[in-house]
ModelCIF file with pLDDT and N, C-alpha, C, O atoms, coordinates in Angstrom:
data_MODEL
#
_entry.id   MODEL 
#
_entity.id                         1 
_entity.type                       polymer 
_entity.pdbx_number_of_molecules   1 
#
_entity_poly.entity_id                      1 
_entity_poly.type                           'polypeptide(L)' 
_entity_poly.nstd_linkage                   no 
_entity_poly.nstd_monomer                   no 
_entity_poly.pdbx_seq_one_letter_code       VVVGYARTSTADQVAGLEAQQRELEKAGCAR 
_entity_poly.pdbx_seq_one_letter_code_can   VVVGYARTSTADQVAGLEAQQRELEKAGCAR 
_entity_poly.pdbx_strand_id                 A 
#
loop_
_entity_poly_seq.entity_id 
_entity_poly_seq.num 
_entity_poly_seq.mon_id 
_entity_poly_seq.hetero 
1 1  VAL n 
1 2  VAL n 
1 3  VAL n 
1 4  GLY n 
1 5  TYR n 
1 6  ALA n 
1 7  ARG n 
1 8  THR n 
1 9  SER n 
1 10 THR n 
1 11 ALA n 
1 12 ASP n 
1 13 GLN n 
1 14 VAL n 
1 15 ALA n 
1 16 GLY n 
1 17 LEU n 
1 18 GLU n 
1 19 ALA n 
1 20 GLN n 
1 21 GLN n 
1 22 ARG n 
1 23 GLU n 
1 24 LEU n 
1 25 GLU n 
1 26 LYS n 
1 27 ALA n 
1 28 GLY n 
1 29 CYS n 
1 30 ALA n 
1 31 ARG n 
#
_struct_asym.id          A 
_struct_asym.entity_id   1 
#
loop_
_ma_qa_metric.id 
_ma_qa_metric.mode 
_ma_qa_metric.name 
_ma_qa_metric.software_group_id 
_ma_qa_metric.type 
1 global pLDDT . pLDDT 
2 local  pLDDT . pLDDT 
#
_ma_qa_metric_global.metric_id      1 
_ma_qa_metric_global.metric_value   94.58 
_ma_qa_metric_global.model_id       1 
_ma_qa_metric_global.ordinal_id     1 
#
loop_
_ma_qa_metric_local.label_asym_id 
_ma_qa_metric_local.label_comp_id 
_ma_qa_metric_local.label_seq_id 
_ma_qa_metric_local.metric_id 
_ma_qa_metric_local.metric_value 
_ma_qa_metric_local.model_id 
_ma_qa_metric_local.ordinal_id 
A VAL 1  2 97.00 1 1  
A VAL 2  2 98.00 1 2  
A VAL 3  2 98.00 1 3  
A GLY 4  2 98.00 1 4  
A TYR 5  2 98.00 1 5  
A ALA 6  2 97.00 1 6  
A ARG 7  2 96.00 1 7  
A THR 8  2 94.00 1 8  
A SER 9  2 90.00 1 9  
A THR 10 2 86.00 1 10 
A ALA 11 2 81.00 1 11 
A ASP 12 2 84.00 1 12 
A GLN 13 2 89.00 1 13 
A VAL 14 2 88.00 1 14 
A ALA 15 2 91.00 1 15 
A GLY 16 2 93.00 1 16 
A LEU 17 2 95.00 1 17 
A GLU 18 2 95.00 1 18 
A ALA 19 2 96.00 1 19 
A GLN 20 2 97.00 1 20 
A GLN 21 2 97.00 1 21 
A ARG 22 2 97.00 1 22 
A GLU 23 2 98.00 1 23 
A LEU 24 2 98.00 1 24 
A GLU 25 2 98.00 1 25 
A LYS 26 2 98.00 1 26 
A ALA 27 2 97.00 1 27 
A GLY 28 2 97.00 1 28 
A CYS 29 2 98.00 1 29 
A ALA 30 2 96.00 1 30 
A ARG 31 2 97.00 1 31 
#
loop_
_atom_site.group_PDB 
_atom_site.id 
_atom_site.type_symbol 
_atom_site.label_atom_id 
_atom_site.label_alt_id 
_atom_site.label_comp_id 
_atom_site.label_asym_id 
_atom_site.label_entity_id 
_atom_site.label_seq_id 
_atom_site.pdbx_PDB_ins_code 
_atom_site.Cartn_x 
_atom_site.Cartn_y 
_atom_site.Cartn_z 
_atom_site.occupancy 
_atom_site.B_iso_or_equiv 
_atom_site.pdbx_formal_charge 
_atom_site.auth_seq_id 
_atom_site.auth_comp_id 
_atom_site.auth_asym_id 
_atom_site.auth_atom_id 
_atom_site.pdbx_PDB_model_num 
ATOM 1   N N  . VAL A 1 1  ? 84.836 370.941 49.325 1.00 97.00 ? 1  VAL A N  1 
ATOM 2   C CA . VAL A 1 1  ? 84.680 371.487 47.935 1.00 97.00 ? 1  VAL A CA 1 
ATOM 3   C C  . VAL A 1 1  ? 83.780 370.569 47.194 1.00 97.00 ? 1  VAL A C  1 
ATOM 4   O O  . VAL A 1 1  ? 83.658 369.384 47.505 1.00 97.00 ? 1  VAL A O  1 
ATOM 5   N N  . VAL A 1 2  ? 83.176 371.113 46.246 1.00 98.00 ? 2  VAL A N  1 
ATOM 6   C CA . VAL A 1 2  ? 82.252 370.428 45.304 1.00 98.00 ? 2  VAL A CA 1 
ATOM 7   C C  . VAL A 1 2  ? 82.994 370.261 43.949 1.00 98.00 ? 2  VAL A C  1 
ATOM 8   O O  . VAL A 1 2  ? 83.318 371.233 43.267 1.00 98.00 ? 2  VAL A O  1 
ATOM 9   N N  . VAL A 1 3  ? 83.236 369.014 43.611 1.00 98.00 ? 3  VAL A N  1 
ATOM 10  C CA . VAL A 1 3  ? 84.217 368.795 42.457 1.00 98.00 ? 3  VAL A CA 1 
ATOM 11  C C  . VAL A 1 3  ? 83.187 368.094 41.375 1.00 98.00 ? 3  VAL A C  1 
ATOM 12  O O  . VAL A 1 3  ? 82.325 367.267 41.671 1.00 98.00 ? 3  VAL A O  1 
ATOM 13  N N  . GLY A 1 4  ? 83.424 368.530 40.250 1.00 98.00 ? 4  GLY A N  1 
ATOM 14  C CA . GLY A 1 4  ? 82.559 367.796 39.140 1.00 98.00 ? 4  GLY A CA 1 
ATOM 15  C C  . GLY A 1 4  ? 83.410 367.083 38.190 1.00 98.00 ? 4  GLY A C  1 
ATOM 16  O O  . GLY A 1 4  ? 84.561 367.417 37.908 1.00 98.00 ? 4  GLY A O  1 
ATOM 17  N N  . TYR A 1 5  ? 82.745 366.032 37.689 1.00 98.00 ? 5  TYR A N  1 
ATOM 18  C CA . TYR A 1 5  ? 83.489 365.128 36.566 1.00 98.00 ? 5  TYR A CA 1 
ATOM 19  C C  . TYR A 1 5  ? 82.445 364.935 35.468 1.00 98.00 ? 5  TYR A C  1 
ATOM 20  O O  . TYR A 1 5  ? 81.330 364.472 35.706 1.00 98.00 ? 5  TYR A O  1 
ATOM 21  N N  . ALA A 1 6  ? 82.886 365.338 34.169 1.00 97.00 ? 6  ALA A N  1 
ATOM 22  C CA . ALA A 1 6  ? 82.108 365.265 33.011 1.00 97.00 ? 6  ALA A CA 1 
ATOM 23  C C  . ALA A 1 6  ? 82.777 364.307 31.914 1.00 97.00 ? 6  ALA A C  1 
ATOM 24  O O  . ALA A 1 6  ? 83.968 364.443 31.633 1.00 97.00 ? 6  ALA A O  1 
ATOM 25  N N  . ARG A 1 7  ? 82.026 363.396 31.340 1.00 96.00 ? 7  ARG A N  1 
ATOM 26  C CA . ARG A 1 7  ? 82.744 362.555 30.412 1.00 96.00 ? 7  ARG A CA 1 
ATOM 27  C C  . ARG A 1 7  ? 81.736 362.183 29.334 1.00 96.00 ? 7  ARG A C  1 
ATOM 28  O O  . ARG A 1 7  ? 80.600 361.806 29.621 1.00 96.00 ? 7  ARG A O  1 
ATOM 29  N N  . THR A 1 8  ? 82.223 362.308 27.971 1.00 94.00 ? 8  THR A N  1 
ATOM 30  C CA . THR A 1 8  ? 81.574 361.750 26.855 1.00 94.00 ? 8  THR A CA 1 
ATOM 31  C C  . THR A 1 8  ? 82.324 360.626 26.320 1.00 94.00 ? 8  THR A C  1 
ATOM 32  O O  . THR A 1 8  ? 83.514 360.536 26.625 1.00 94.00 ? 8  THR A O  1 
ATOM 33  N N  . SER A 1 9  ? 81.742 359.678 25.494 1.00 90.00 ? 9  SER A N  1 
ATOM 34  C CA . SER A 1 9  ? 82.446 358.481 24.940 1.00 90.00 ? 9  SER A CA 1 
ATOM 35  C C  . SER A 1 9  ? 83.304 358.939 23.889 1.00 90.00 ? 9  SER A C  1 
ATOM 36  O O  . SER A 1 9  ? 84.406 358.402 23.772 1.00 90.00 ? 9  SER A O  1 
ATOM 37  N N  . THR A 1 10 ? 82.932 359.926 23.047 1.00 86.00 ? 10 THR A N  1 
ATOM 38  C CA . THR A 1 10 ? 83.666 360.239 21.852 1.00 86.00 ? 10 THR A CA 1 
ATOM 39  C C  . THR A 1 10 ? 83.800 361.852 21.724 1.00 86.00 ? 10 THR A C  1 
ATOM 40  O O  . THR A 1 10 ? 83.049 362.655 22.280 1.00 86.00 ? 10 THR A O  1 
ATOM 41  N N  . ALA A 1 11 ? 84.820 362.152 20.946 1.00 81.00 ? 11 ALA A N  1 
ATOM 42  C CA . ALA A 1 11 ? 85.170 363.669 20.776 1.00 81.00 ? 11 ALA A CA 1 
ATOM 43  C C  . ALA A 1 11 ? 83.967 364.257 19.948 1.00 81.00 ? 11 ALA A C  1 
ATOM 44  O O  . ALA A 1 11 ? 83.809 365.477 19.945 1.00 81.00 ? 11 ALA A O  1 
ATOM 45  N N  . ASP A 1 12 ? 83.206 363.526 19.321 1.00 84.00 ? 12 ASP A N  1 
ATOM 46  C CA . ASP A 1 12 ? 82.117 364.073 18.448 1.00 84.00 ? 12 ASP A CA 1 
ATOM 47  C C  . ASP A 1 12 ? 80.833 364.597 19.338 1.00 84.00 ? 12 ASP A C  1 
ATOM 48  O O  . ASP A 1 12 ? 79.922 365.260 18.843 1.00 84.00 ? 12 ASP A O  1 
ATOM 49  N N  . GLN A 1 13 ? 80.888 364.240 20.606 1.00 89.00 ? 13 GLN A N  1 
ATOM 50  C CA . GLN A 1 13 ? 79.791 364.509 21.550 1.00 89.00 ? 13 GLN A CA 1 
ATOM 51  C C  . GLN A 1 13 ? 79.976 365.831 22.258 1.00 89.00 ? 13 GLN A C  1 
ATOM 52  O O  . GLN A 1 13 ? 79.779 365.879 23.472 1.00 89.00 ? 13 GLN A O  1 
ATOM 53  N N  . VAL A 1 14 ? 80.342 366.917 21.580 1.00 88.00 ? 14 VAL A N  1 
ATOM 54  C CA . VAL A 1 14 ? 80.606 368.110 22.268 1.00 88.00 ? 14 VAL A CA 1 
ATOM 55  C C  . VAL A 1 14 ? 79.488 368.782 22.915 1.00 88.00 ? 14 VAL A C  1 
ATOM 56  O O  . VAL A 1 14 ? 79.675 369.425 23.949 1.00 88.00 ? 14 VAL A O  1 
ATOM 57  N N  . ALA A 1 15 ? 78.283 368.672 22.351 1.00 91.00 ? 15 ALA A N  1 
ATOM 58  C CA . ALA A 1 15 ? 77.100 369.199 22.919 1.00 91.00 ? 15 ALA A CA 1 
ATOM 59  C C  . ALA A 1 15 ? 76.845 368.507 24.260 1.00 91.00 ? 15 ALA A C  1 
ATOM 60  O O  . ALA A 1 15 ? 76.514 369.151 25.255 1.00 91.00 ? 15 ALA A O  1 
ATOM 61  N N  . GLY A 1 16 ? 76.993 367.289 24.262 1.00 93.00 ? 16 GLY A N  1 
ATOM 62  C CA . GLY A 1 16 ? 76.876 366.432 25.650 1.00 93.00 ? 16 GLY A CA 1 
ATOM 63  C C  . GLY A 1 16 ? 77.755 366.890 26.593 1.00 93.00 ? 16 GLY A C  1 
ATOM 64  O O  . GLY A 1 16 ? 77.330 367.055 27.736 1.00 93.00 ? 16 GLY A O  1 
ATOM 65  N N  . LEU A 1 17 ? 79.089 367.168 26.293 1.00 95.00 ? 17 LEU A N  1 
ATOM 66  C CA . LEU A 1 17 ? 79.946 367.497 27.274 1.00 95.00 ? 17 LEU A CA 1 
ATOM 67  C C  . LEU A 1 17 ? 79.668 368.949 27.823 1.00 95.00 ? 17 LEU A C  1 
ATOM 68  O O  . LEU A 1 17 ? 79.786 369.223 29.018 1.00 95.00 ? 17 LEU A O  1 
ATOM 69  N N  . GLU A 1 18 ? 79.283 369.874 26.841 1.00 95.00 ? 18 GLU A N  1 
ATOM 70  C CA . GLU A 1 18 ? 78.988 371.239 27.328 1.00 95.00 ? 18 GLU A CA 1 
ATOM 71  C C  . GLU A 1 18 ? 77.702 371.183 28.133 1.00 95.00 ? 18 GLU A C  1 
ATOM 72  O O  . GLU A 1 18 ? 77.536 372.039 29.002 1.00 95.00 ? 18 GLU A O  1 
ATOM 73  N N  . ALA A 1 19 ? 76.788 370.269 27.928 1.00 96.00 ? 19 ALA A N  1 
ATOM 74  C CA . ALA A 1 19 ? 75.602 370.303 28.692 1.00 96.00 ? 19 ALA A CA 1 
ATOM 75  C C  . ALA A 1 19 ? 75.959 369.833 30.215 1.00 96.00 ? 19 ALA A C  1 
ATOM 76  O O  . ALA A 1 19 ? 75.492 370.346 31.232 1.00 96.00 ? 19 ALA A O  1 
ATOM 77  N N  . GLN A 1 20 ? 76.858 368.778 30.159 1.00 97.00 ? 20 GLN A N  1 
ATOM 78  C CA . GLN A 1 20 ? 77.277 368.186 31.568 1.00 97.00 ? 20 GLN A CA 1 
ATOM 79  C C  . GLN A 1 20 ? 77.951 369.378 32.302 1.00 97.00 ? 20 GLN A C  1 
ATOM 80  O O  . GLN A 1 20 ? 77.639 369.611 33.470 1.00 97.00 ? 20 GLN A O  1 
ATOM 81  N N  . GLN A 1 21 ? 78.891 370.160 31.630 1.00 97.00 ? 21 GLN A N  1 
ATOM 82  C CA . GLN A 1 21 ? 79.559 371.216 32.244 1.00 97.00 ? 21 GLN A CA 1 
ATOM 83  C C  . GLN A 1 21 ? 78.560 372.285 32.857 1.00 97.00 ? 21 GLN A C  1 
ATOM 84  O O  . GLN A 1 21 ? 78.744 372.741 33.986 1.00 97.00 ? 21 GLN A O  1 
ATOM 85  N N  . ARG A 1 22 ? 77.458 372.675 32.031 1.00 97.00 ? 22 ARG A N  1 
ATOM 86  C CA . ARG A 1 22 ? 76.477 373.683 32.568 1.00 97.00 ? 22 ARG A CA 1 
ATOM 87  C C  . ARG A 1 22 ? 75.832 373.109 33.835 1.00 97.00 ? 22 ARG A C  1 
ATOM 88  O O  . ARG A 1 22 ? 75.658 373.807 34.834 1.00 97.00 ? 22 ARG A O  1 
ATOM 89  N N  . GLU A 1 23 ? 75.475 371.795 33.765 1.00 98.00 ? 23 GLU A N  1 
ATOM 90  C CA . GLU A 1 23 ? 74.795 371.174 34.973 1.00 98.00 ? 23 GLU A CA 1 
ATOM 91  C C  . GLU A 1 23 ? 75.734 371.228 36.158 1.00 98.00 ? 23 GLU A C  1 
ATOM 92  O O  . GLU A 1 23 ? 75.310 371.539 37.271 1.00 98.00 ? 23 GLU A O  1 
ATOM 93  N N  . LEU A 1 24 ? 76.948 370.942 35.945 1.00 98.00 ? 24 LEU A N  1 
ATOM 94  C CA . LEU A 1 24 ? 77.929 370.849 37.051 1.00 98.00 ? 24 LEU A CA 1 
ATOM 95  C C  . LEU A 1 24 ? 78.180 372.252 37.584 1.00 98.00 ? 24 LEU A C  1 
ATOM 96  O O  . LEU A 1 24 ? 78.338 372.393 38.796 1.00 98.00 ? 24 LEU A O  1 
ATOM 97  N N  . GLU A 1 25 ? 78.227 373.269 36.789 1.00 98.00 ? 25 GLU A N  1 
ATOM 98  C CA . GLU A 1 25 ? 78.330 374.623 37.181 1.00 98.00 ? 25 GLU A CA 1 
ATOM 99  C C  . GLU A 1 25 ? 77.245 375.003 38.031 1.00 98.00 ? 25 GLU A C  1 
ATOM 100 O O  . GLU A 1 25 ? 77.470 375.632 39.065 1.00 98.00 ? 25 GLU A O  1 
ATOM 101 N N  . LYS A 1 26 ? 75.948 374.639 37.646 1.00 98.00 ? 26 LYS A N  1 
ATOM 102 C CA . LYS A 1 26 ? 74.739 374.922 38.425 1.00 98.00 ? 26 LYS A CA 1 
ATOM 103 C C  . LYS A 1 26 ? 74.679 374.325 39.725 1.00 98.00 ? 26 LYS A C  1 
ATOM 104 O O  . LYS A 1 26 ? 74.083 374.820 40.681 1.00 98.00 ? 26 LYS A O  1 
ATOM 105 N N  . ALA A 1 27 ? 75.403 373.095 39.733 1.00 97.00 ? 27 ALA A N  1 
ATOM 106 C CA . ALA A 1 27 ? 75.456 372.315 40.971 1.00 97.00 ? 27 ALA A CA 1 
ATOM 107 C C  . ALA A 1 27 ? 76.536 372.951 41.944 1.00 97.00 ? 27 ALA A C  1 
ATOM 108 O O  . ALA A 1 27 ? 76.692 372.436 43.051 1.00 97.00 ? 27 ALA A O  1 
ATOM 109 N N  . GLY A 1 28 ? 77.259 374.014 41.579 1.00 97.00 ? 28 GLY A N  1 
ATOM 110 C CA . GLY A 1 28 ? 78.144 374.666 42.335 1.00 97.00 ? 28 GLY A CA 1 
ATOM 111 C C  . GLY A 1 28 ? 79.627 374.096 42.453 1.00 97.00 ? 28 GLY A C  1 
ATOM 112 O O  . GLY A 1 28 ? 80.379 374.332 43.399 1.00 97.00 ? 28 GLY A O  1 
ATOM 113 N N  . CYS A 1 29 ? 79.918 373.346 41.396 1.00 98.00 ? 29 CYS A N  1 
ATOM 114 C CA . CYS A 1 29 ? 81.333 372.708 41.407 1.00 98.00 ? 29 CYS A CA 1 
ATOM 115 C C  . CYS A 1 29 ? 82.354 373.748 41.306 1.00 98.00 ? 29 CYS A C  1 
ATOM 116 O O  . CYS A 1 29 ? 82.284 374.535 40.362 1.00 98.00 ? 29 CYS A O  1 
ATOM 117 N N  . ALA A 1 30 ? 83.233 373.841 42.108 1.00 96.00 ? 30 ALA A N  1 
ATOM 118 C CA . ALA A 1 30 ? 84.378 374.690 42.284 1.00 96.00 ? 30 ALA A CA 1 
ATOM 119 C C  . ALA A 1 30 ? 85.405 374.355 41.132 1.00 96.00 ? 30 ALA A C  1 
ATOM 120 O O  . ALA A 1 30 ? 86.031 375.233 40.538 1.00 96.00 ? 30 ALA A O  1 
ATOM 121 N N  . ARG A 1 31 ? 85.524 372.978 40.866 1.00 97.00 ? 31 ARG A N  1 
ATOM 122 C CA . ARG A 1 31 ? 86.413 372.444 39.907 1.00 97.00 ? 31 ARG A CA 1 
ATOM 123 C C  . ARG A 1 31 ? 85.739 371.364 39.121 1.00 97.00 ? 31 ARG A C  1 
ATOM 124 O O  . ARG A 1 31 ? 86.353 370.773 38.232 1.00 97.00 ? 31 ARG A O  1 
#
């Protein structure tokens, strides 16, 4: 299984977290 982990340092960095999620989805992360 390909598993992804995304993290931003603060709650204000929503765009950064969303960008990481998109990249991880493109990488085929199942979770």
